[in-house]
Protein backbone atom coordinates (compact mmCIF):
# COMPACT_ATOMS: atom_id res chain seq x y z
CA UNK A 1 10.15 -10.93 3.53
CA UNK A 2 9.56 -8.52 6.27
CA UNK A 3 10.38 -10.16 9.64
CA UNK A 4 10.06 -8.99 13.27
CA UNK A 5 10.25 -11.26 16.24
CA UNK A 6 6.74 -11.97 15.94
CA UNK A 7 5.24 -10.73 12.92
CA UNK A 8 6.34 -12.24 9.47
CA UNK A 9 5.08 -11.29 5.80
CA UNK A 10 4.42 -13.91 3.38
CA UNK A 11 7.89 -14.32 1.62
CA UNK A 12 9.65 -12.23 -0.43
CA UNK A 13 8.51 -13.42 -1.26
CA UNK A 14 -11.21 3.21 -6.04
CA UNK A 15 -14.10 2.57 -2.80
CA UNK A 16 -16.80 1.30 -5.18
CA UNK A 17 -20.38 0.99 -3.90
CA UNK A 18 -22.32 -1.55 -5.81
CA UNK A 19 -24.74 0.00 -8.06
CA UNK A 20 -28.07 0.31 -6.56
CA UNK A 21 -31.02 0.31 -9.10
CA UNK A 22 -33.78 2.92 -8.42
CA UNK A 23 -37.01 2.29 -10.50
CA UNK A 24 -36.19 1.80 -14.28
CA UNK A 25 -33.22 4.21 -14.38
CA UNK A 26 -29.58 3.32 -13.56
CA UNK A 27 -27.73 5.89 -11.25
CA UNK A 28 -24.84 7.44 -12.97
CA UNK A 29 -21.69 8.22 -10.60
CA UNK A 30 -18.10 8.53 -10.54
CA UNK A 31 -17.62 8.24 -14.18
CA UNK A 32 -18.61 4.70 -14.20
CA UNK A 33 -22.07 4.04 -15.87
CA UNK A 34 -23.74 0.66 -15.57
CA UNK A 35 -26.97 0.98 -17.73
CA UNK A 36 -29.64 -1.95 -17.50
CA UNK A 37 -33.30 -1.04 -18.24
CA UNK A 38 -36.16 -3.56 -17.73
CA UNK A 39 -39.62 -2.07 -19.00
CA UNK A 40 -42.93 -3.77 -19.68
CA UNK A 41 -44.15 -3.59 -23.29
CA UNK A 42 -46.98 -1.01 -23.61
CA UNK A 43 -48.77 0.06 -26.95
CA UNK A 44 -47.21 3.56 -27.12
CA UNK A 45 -44.19 2.42 -29.30
CA UNK A 46 -43.50 5.72 -30.41
CA UNK A 47 -43.41 7.30 -27.15
CA UNK A 48 -41.18 4.61 -25.83
CA UNK A 49 -38.81 5.12 -28.75
CA UNK A 50 -38.61 8.88 -27.87
CA UNK A 51 -37.84 7.92 -23.98
CA UNK A 52 -35.13 5.61 -25.04
CA UNK A 53 -33.47 8.23 -27.39
CA UNK A 54 -33.67 10.85 -24.55
CA UNK A 55 -32.11 8.26 -22.11
CA UNK A 56 -29.34 7.38 -24.51
CA UNK A 57 -28.59 10.88 -25.15
CA UNK A 58 -28.40 11.78 -21.60
CA UNK A 59 -26.23 8.87 -20.67
CA UNK A 60 -23.86 9.70 -23.54
CA UNK A 61 -23.48 13.36 -22.38
CA UNK A 62 -22.79 12.27 -19.03
CA UNK A 63 -20.29 9.58 -20.12
CA UNK A 64 -18.43 12.35 -22.46
CA UNK A 65 -18.54 14.75 -19.66
CA UNK A 66 -17.02 12.27 -17.03
CA UNK A 67 -14.39 10.99 -19.53
CA UNK A 68 -13.33 14.75 -20.33
CA UNK A 69 -12.98 15.39 -16.47
CA UNK A 70 -10.94 12.44 -15.84
CA UNK A 71 -8.97 12.04 -18.76
CA UNK A 72 -5.88 13.36 -17.26
CA UNK A 73 -6.10 11.42 -14.15
CA UNK A 74 -3.42 8.97 -13.48
CA UNK A 75 -4.06 8.03 -10.10
CA UNK A 76 -6.11 5.60 -8.00
CA UNK A 77 -9.43 6.22 -7.14
CA UNK A 78 -12.06 5.23 -4.66
CA UNK A 79 -15.52 4.71 -6.05
CA UNK A 80 -19.01 4.22 -4.04
CA UNK A 81 -19.57 1.05 -2.38
CA UNK A 82 -22.13 -0.57 0.04
CA UNK A 83 -23.22 -3.98 0.37
CA UNK A 84 -22.76 -6.94 -2.32
CA UNK A 85 -25.00 -6.98 -5.31
CA UNK A 86 -27.46 -9.96 -5.34
CA UNK A 87 -26.92 -10.40 -9.18
CA UNK A 88 -24.62 -13.24 -10.04
CA UNK A 89 -23.04 -15.72 -7.83
CA UNK A 90 -20.03 -15.33 -5.53
CA UNK A 91 -17.97 -17.69 -8.08
CA UNK A 92 -18.77 -15.20 -10.89
CA UNK A 93 -17.31 -12.41 -8.70
CA UNK A 94 -14.16 -14.41 -7.91
CA UNK A 95 -13.67 -15.44 -11.44
CA UNK A 96 -13.96 -11.85 -12.76
CA UNK A 97 -11.83 -10.38 -9.81
CA UNK A 98 -8.99 -12.91 -10.44
CA UNK A 99 -8.24 -11.76 -13.86
CA UNK A 100 -6.67 -8.61 -12.23
CA UNK A 101 -4.44 -10.59 -10.02
CA UNK A 102 -0.94 -11.41 -11.32
CA UNK A 103 1.95 -13.42 -10.15
CA UNK A 104 5.23 -11.54 -9.46
CA UNK A 105 8.43 -13.23 -9.50
CA UNK A 106 11.57 -11.44 -8.07
CA UNK A 107 14.81 -12.19 -10.04
CA UNK A 108 18.31 -10.81 -8.57
CA UNK A 109 21.61 -10.94 -10.29
CA UNK A 110 24.30 -12.87 -8.46
CA UNK A 111 27.85 -12.41 -9.49
CA UNK A 112 31.26 -14.03 -8.90
CA UNK A 113 33.06 -12.16 -6.39
CA UNK A 114 36.31 -14.30 -6.83
CA UNK A 115 36.78 -13.48 -10.58
CA UNK A 116 37.90 -10.47 -12.36
CA UNK A 117 35.61 -11.34 -15.33
CA UNK A 118 32.10 -10.87 -15.45
CA UNK A 119 30.20 -14.09 -14.61
CA UNK A 120 26.70 -12.99 -13.09
CA UNK A 121 23.50 -14.78 -13.43
CA UNK A 122 20.08 -13.93 -12.81
CA UNK A 123 18.27 -15.99 -10.39
CA UNK A 124 14.84 -16.44 -8.95
CA UNK A 125 14.88 -14.90 -5.30
CA UNK A 126 11.17 -15.07 -4.49
CA UNK A 127 7.67 -14.66 -5.54
CA UNK A 128 4.43 -12.73 -4.74
CA UNK A 129 1.30 -11.30 -5.99
CA UNK A 130 -0.09 -8.12 -7.43
CA UNK A 131 -3.24 -6.31 -8.38
CA UNK A 132 -4.06 -4.56 -11.54
CA UNK A 133 -5.79 -1.27 -10.41
CA UNK A 134 -5.54 0.87 -13.71
CA UNK A 135 -5.34 0.41 -17.37
CA UNK A 136 -4.90 2.87 -19.96
CA UNK A 137 -4.26 3.06 -23.73
CA UNK A 138 -0.61 2.16 -23.24
CA UNK A 139 -0.10 0.61 -19.99
CA UNK A 140 -1.45 -1.18 -17.08
CA UNK A 141 -0.33 -0.51 -13.42
CA UNK A 142 -0.01 -3.00 -10.55
CA UNK A 143 0.00 -2.55 -6.84
CA UNK A 144 2.12 -4.81 -4.53
CA UNK A 145 4.08 -5.10 -1.44
CA UNK A 146 7.57 -3.50 -1.58
CA UNK A 147 9.06 -6.57 0.00
CA UNK A 148 7.84 -8.44 -3.02
CA UNK A 149 9.92 -6.50 -5.34
CA UNK A 150 12.72 -5.19 -3.33
CA UNK A 151 16.42 -5.59 -4.76
CA UNK A 152 15.07 -6.89 -7.91
CA UNK A 153 17.16 -6.78 -11.07
CA UNK A 154 14.13 -8.14 -13.05
CA UNK A 155 10.55 -8.61 -12.36
CA UNK A 156 8.68 -11.44 -14.23
CA UNK A 157 5.00 -11.00 -14.31
CA UNK A 158 2.56 -13.70 -14.95
CA UNK A 159 -0.97 -12.46 -15.75
CA UNK A 160 -4.19 -14.40 -15.87
CA UNK A 161 -3.99 -17.08 -18.57
CA UNK A 162 -0.36 -17.65 -17.98
CA UNK A 163 1.21 -15.22 -20.38
CA UNK A 164 4.25 -13.68 -19.01
CA UNK A 165 5.95 -10.44 -19.39
CA UNK A 166 8.34 -7.96 -17.45
CA UNK A 167 7.47 -5.16 -15.26
CA UNK A 168 8.82 -1.49 -14.53
CA UNK A 169 8.98 -0.32 -10.96
CA UNK A 170 7.07 3.26 -11.00
CA UNK A 171 7.99 3.64 -7.53
CA UNK A 172 8.07 2.06 -4.07
CA UNK A 173 7.99 2.87 -0.25
CA UNK A 174 9.53 0.87 2.27
CA UNK A 175 7.79 2.16 5.36
CA UNK A 176 4.22 1.46 4.11
CA UNK A 177 5.43 -1.65 2.16
CA UNK A 178 3.86 -0.55 -1.06
CA UNK A 179 5.28 -0.64 -4.67
CA UNK A 180 3.42 0.33 -8.06
CA UNK A 181 4.66 -1.60 -11.17
CA UNK A 182 3.95 -0.82 -14.90
CA UNK A 183 3.31 -3.34 -17.71
CA UNK A 184 2.28 -3.12 -21.27
CA UNK A 185 -1.49 -2.77 -21.35
CA UNK A 186 -2.01 -5.61 -23.96
CA UNK A 187 -1.38 -8.15 -21.07
CA UNK A 188 -4.09 -6.89 -18.78
CA UNK A 189 -7.75 -7.81 -19.36
CA UNK A 190 -9.29 -6.09 -16.41
CA UNK A 191 -8.61 -4.31 -13.28
CA UNK A 192 -10.16 -4.20 -9.76
CA UNK A 193 -11.40 -0.88 -8.17
CA UNK A 194 -10.64 0.06 -4.43
CA UNK A 195 -13.53 -0.61 -1.64
CA UNK A 196 -13.77 1.85 1.30
CA UNK A 197 -11.95 0.26 3.95
CA UNK A 198 -13.20 2.75 6.58
CA UNK A 199 -16.74 1.10 6.59
CA UNK A 200 -15.35 -2.34 7.33
CA UNK A 201 -16.75 -4.08 10.55
CA UNK A 202 -15.48 -7.15 12.54
CA UNK A 203 -17.55 -9.98 10.99
CA UNK A 204 -17.70 -8.64 7.39
CA UNK A 205 -16.96 -11.46 4.80
CA UNK A 206 -13.58 -11.01 2.93
CA UNK A 207 -11.83 -13.07 0.50
CA UNK A 208 -7.97 -13.22 -0.33
CA UNK A 209 -6.74 -13.99 -3.73
CA UNK A 210 -3.08 -14.71 -4.58
CA UNK A 211 -0.47 -17.14 -5.41
CA UNK A 212 0.43 -18.89 -2.06
CA UNK A 213 3.67 -21.10 -2.52
CA UNK A 214 4.41 -19.64 -5.81
CA UNK A 215 2.68 -19.74 -9.30
CA UNK A 216 1.76 -23.54 -9.08
CA UNK A 217 -1.32 -22.37 -6.91
CA UNK A 218 -1.74 -19.20 -8.65
CA UNK A 219 -5.46 -17.51 -8.21
CA UNK A 220 -6.01 -19.26 -4.81
CA UNK A 221 -9.09 -18.02 -3.17
CA UNK A 222 -9.55 -18.38 0.60
CA UNK A 223 -12.65 -16.67 2.56
CA UNK A 224 -12.77 -15.52 5.97
CA UNK A 225 -13.95 -12.60 8.08
CA UNK A 226 -12.52 -9.33 9.31
CA UNK A 227 -11.42 -10.10 12.51
CA UNK A 228 -10.54 -6.59 13.52
CA UNK A 229 -9.79 -2.99 11.98
CA UNK A 230 -7.41 -0.52 12.92
CA UNK A 231 -4.86 -3.05 14.31
CA UNK A 232 -1.19 -1.57 14.67
CA UNK A 233 1.72 -4.05 14.02
CA UNK A 234 5.22 -3.28 14.57
CA UNK A 235 7.36 -4.15 11.51
CA UNK A 236 10.84 -4.15 10.51
CA UNK A 237 11.52 -2.51 6.87
CA UNK A 238 14.65 -1.64 5.05
CA UNK A 239 13.97 1.93 5.97
CA UNK A 240 13.62 1.13 9.66
CA UNK A 241 11.02 0.31 12.31
CA UNK A 242 7.64 1.27 11.61
CA UNK A 243 4.01 0.68 13.12
CA UNK A 244 1.80 -0.31 10.34
CA UNK A 245 -2.02 -0.01 10.53
CA UNK A 246 -3.82 -3.05 9.27
CA UNK A 247 -6.97 -5.04 8.98
CA UNK A 248 -6.85 -8.44 10.76
CA UNK A 249 -8.61 -11.22 8.98
CA UNK A 250 -8.76 -15.28 9.41
CA UNK A 251 -8.68 -15.61 5.54
CA UNK A 252 -5.65 -17.79 4.97
CA UNK A 253 -2.76 -15.76 3.78
CA UNK A 254 0.30 -18.10 3.13
CA UNK A 255 3.69 -17.32 1.56
CA UNK A 256 3.23 -15.88 -1.96
CA UNK A 257 0.16 -14.18 -1.12
CA UNK A 258 2.17 -10.88 -0.35
CA UNK A 259 0.66 -8.14 -2.54
CA UNK A 260 -2.48 -9.82 -3.32
CA UNK A 261 -6.08 -8.62 -2.97
CA UNK A 262 -8.26 -8.73 0.22
CA UNK A 263 -11.73 -8.17 -1.40
CA UNK A 264 -15.12 -7.64 -0.18
CA UNK A 265 -18.08 -9.71 -1.42
CA UNK A 266 -18.80 -6.88 -4.08
CA UNK A 267 -15.31 -7.77 -5.55
CA UNK A 268 -13.74 -4.55 -4.36
CA UNK A 269 -10.10 -4.31 -3.04
CA UNK A 270 -10.45 -3.21 0.67
CA UNK A 271 -6.96 -4.33 1.53
CA UNK A 272 -3.45 -5.68 0.18
CA UNK A 273 -2.29 -8.68 1.94
CA UNK A 274 1.01 -8.18 3.59
CA UNK A 275 1.54 -9.86 6.83
CA UNK A 276 0.90 -12.89 8.92
CA UNK A 277 1.88 -14.21 12.39
CA UNK A 278 3.85 -17.04 12.02
CA UNK A 279 4.51 -19.27 15.33
CA UNK A 280 3.75 -22.72 16.38
CA UNK A 281 0.06 -23.14 17.27
CA UNK A 282 -0.89 -19.74 15.75
CA UNK A 283 -3.46 -19.98 12.87
CA UNK A 284 -5.88 -17.39 11.19
CA UNK A 285 -3.84 -14.10 11.91
CA UNK A 286 -3.28 -12.41 8.62
CA UNK A 287 -2.86 -8.71 8.18
CA UNK A 288 -3.73 -6.26 5.13
CA UNK A 289 -3.05 -2.68 4.61
CA UNK A 290 -6.42 -0.94 4.38
CA UNK A 291 -7.32 0.45 1.05
CA UNK A 292 -7.73 4.15 2.46
CA UNK A 293 -4.31 4.16 3.64
CA UNK A 294 -2.69 2.68 0.32
CA UNK A 295 -4.54 4.94 -2.02
CA UNK A 296 -2.72 8.30 -1.18
CA UNK A 297 0.63 6.32 -1.40
CA UNK A 298 -0.25 4.92 -4.74
CA UNK A 299 -1.27 8.32 -5.95
CA UNK A 300 1.83 10.04 -4.81
CA UNK A 301 3.94 7.12 -6.34
CA UNK A 302 2.22 7.43 -9.61
CA UNK A 303 2.58 11.17 -9.68
CA UNK A 304 6.18 11.55 -8.44
CA UNK A 305 7.67 8.11 -8.32
CA UNK A 306 8.35 8.37 -4.45
CA UNK A 307 6.64 9.32 -1.23
CA UNK A 308 7.81 12.49 0.28
CA UNK A 309 8.35 12.83 3.90
CA UNK A 310 9.75 15.52 6.36
CA UNK A 311 13.42 15.06 6.92
CA UNK A 312 15.62 15.93 9.79
CA UNK A 313 18.71 14.46 8.34
CA UNK A 314 19.98 12.16 11.42
CA UNK A 315 20.49 8.68 12.37
CA UNK A 316 18.90 7.53 15.43
CA UNK A 317 19.30 4.68 18.14
CA UNK A 318 16.94 3.86 20.89
CA UNK A 319 18.61 4.25 24.63
CA UNK A 320 18.06 0.58 24.81
CA UNK A 321 20.66 -0.03 22.24
CA UNK A 322 23.18 2.40 23.64
CA UNK A 323 25.86 1.35 26.13
CA UNK A 324 25.26 2.60 29.41
CA UNK A 325 28.57 4.61 29.48
CA UNK A 326 27.13 7.12 27.05
CA UNK A 327 24.14 7.75 29.39
CA UNK A 328 25.80 8.55 32.52
CA UNK A 329 25.00 12.31 32.49
CA UNK A 330 21.37 11.60 31.68
CA UNK A 331 19.11 12.62 34.71
CA UNK A 332 17.69 9.40 36.19
CA UNK A 333 14.25 10.74 35.47
CA UNK A 334 14.41 10.41 31.67
CA UNK A 335 13.59 6.88 30.82
CA UNK A 336 13.21 6.95 27.14
CA UNK A 337 14.70 9.08 24.07
CA UNK A 338 16.57 8.57 21.02
CA UNK A 339 20.45 9.22 20.53
CA UNK A 340 21.85 10.84 17.28
CA UNK A 341 24.39 8.58 15.80
CA UNK A 342 25.12 10.33 12.60
CA UNK A 343 24.36 13.58 10.75
CA UNK A 344 23.83 14.48 6.96
CA UNK A 345 26.06 17.35 6.80
CA UNK A 346 23.83 19.05 4.15
CA UNK A 347 20.58 18.63 6.50
CA UNK A 348 18.42 21.00 8.62
CA UNK A 349 19.90 19.08 11.39
CA UNK A 350 23.55 20.19 10.75
CA UNK A 351 22.47 23.49 10.14
CA UNK A 352 20.81 23.92 13.43
CA UNK A 353 23.76 22.60 15.32
CA UNK A 354 22.49 19.19 16.46
CA UNK A 355 25.70 16.72 17.38
CA UNK A 356 26.27 13.16 17.34
CA UNK A 357 25.61 11.60 20.76
CA UNK A 358 22.87 14.38 21.54
CA UNK A 359 19.66 12.65 23.11
CA UNK A 360 16.45 13.78 21.74
CA UNK A 361 13.52 13.56 24.44
CA UNK A 362 11.00 15.66 22.94
CA UNK A 363 9.56 17.12 19.70
CA UNK A 364 7.20 20.19 19.97
CA UNK A 365 6.82 19.13 23.50
CA UNK A 366 5.60 15.78 22.62
CA UNK A 367 7.68 13.27 24.75
CA UNK A 368 9.98 10.79 22.61
CA UNK A 369 10.44 7.36 24.20
CA UNK A 370 12.27 5.82 21.29
CA UNK A 371 13.67 6.26 17.85
CA UNK A 372 10.59 4.42 16.33
CA UNK A 373 8.31 6.95 18.27
CA UNK A 374 10.23 9.89 16.73
CA UNK A 375 9.87 8.51 13.40
CA UNK A 376 6.27 7.78 13.90
CA UNK A 377 5.38 11.31 15.08
CA UNK A 378 7.69 12.87 12.42
CA UNK A 379 6.11 11.16 9.64
CA UNK A 380 2.43 11.14 10.74
CA UNK A 381 1.87 14.39 12.42
CA UNK A 382 4.45 16.76 10.55
CA UNK A 383 4.92 18.15 7.08
CA UNK A 384 7.75 19.37 4.85
CA UNK A 385 8.18 23.06 5.92
CA UNK A 386 7.04 22.65 9.32
CA UNK A 387 9.07 24.39 12.09
CA UNK A 388 9.96 22.05 15.16
CA UNK A 389 11.46 22.36 18.51
CA UNK A 390 13.66 19.53 19.76
CA UNK A 391 14.44 18.93 23.49
CA UNK A 392 17.76 17.83 23.82
CA UNK A 393 20.22 16.54 26.32
CA UNK A 394 23.86 17.32 25.65
CA UNK A 395 26.39 16.21 28.43
CA UNK A 396 23.60 16.12 30.86
CA UNK A 397 22.59 19.88 30.14
CA UNK A 398 19.13 20.30 28.52
CA UNK A 399 18.85 22.63 25.49
CA UNK A 400 16.50 23.58 22.92
CA UNK A 401 16.91 23.29 19.11
CA UNK A 402 14.81 24.56 16.51
CA UNK A 403 15.03 23.58 12.69
CA UNK A 404 12.92 23.58 9.63
CA UNK A 405 12.03 20.31 8.05
CA UNK A 406 13.25 19.53 4.57
CA UNK A 407 11.88 16.91 2.12
CA UNK A 408 13.18 13.36 2.05
CA UNK A 409 13.25 13.56 -1.78
CA UNK A 410 15.82 16.20 -1.84
CA UNK A 411 18.24 13.79 -0.57
CA UNK A 412 17.73 11.25 -3.25
């Protein structure tokens, strides 16, 4: 589970605008066709039959065209969404959505370190939740949190109805805490589409579906509202500290809910439940990764198996982590920065002449206050191939070092 001093995740634990009918014809959009006609019976049966034939032919042509245009697409998509459809009950919607929710058990191998013989065993390390978001002829794809599947030697998936299978990791990203898994399509009965998280407002109704406390309480549904949007939460990940953009909700999120769906009243996924504040006396403070933030990550993982980020090639530490003896030559007016603690010998940093104990105080004239601040700017504002200028203090002297950012993927 992701833990910080204050924020704790739950344990290891496309946007769809509901179909809006105009007159007697259904709107056909985004390759998804919902067709329902209600017409009065009139005497001109031949004309009606001709009208139906024309409609069927038009729908068929549009379906074939849409299918042809999207047949090669392997990525998650947003489809249009507005308000909840009035047809059917909330319970009907939840029942259908729950069929796309899976349980994930993280199994890890433990070996006997005191023997020369192989005596390892696979044990359950934790559990979480996942959401089926795509199904093709052969495979079904699941999005979940990275911390749910991290370090697993085997992932056991329990699908709707209780059937079990194992999953393959398509790729994962520690910083955004997202992962994509693949299972055989025969185990998936339905999928969920992603809604548009950018239209969310405080007060909108939402539901969380997941497996709190494990599979014993699988497909538990809790209801609440969006408490706030565009919250920033500092989290500790296996790739370092990161400021995560999240939706805040008071829908109950408990251990095991990680990776589960936060859905709107139309049954669209508008977030992946990831975090909660876990302190005595604190209730109803849960957080989800917005759908509009996670879709690009999922797409990149589906296409390449990883997320590409710009790479300097240095290890960093904040000045508050550095003994004062190493900061004696730093001007007193410098209150923040990041010290270089190690350098990849094959990196742009090494080629440009950066050295261990250099203190970076700016990048492209942007003041750097900490190692986290540098990482956030690097990953959020810059791209592979960009040229950057680093303001560096070395032995009390300020110098400028220029380099070109390479790809993090080239180091793997």
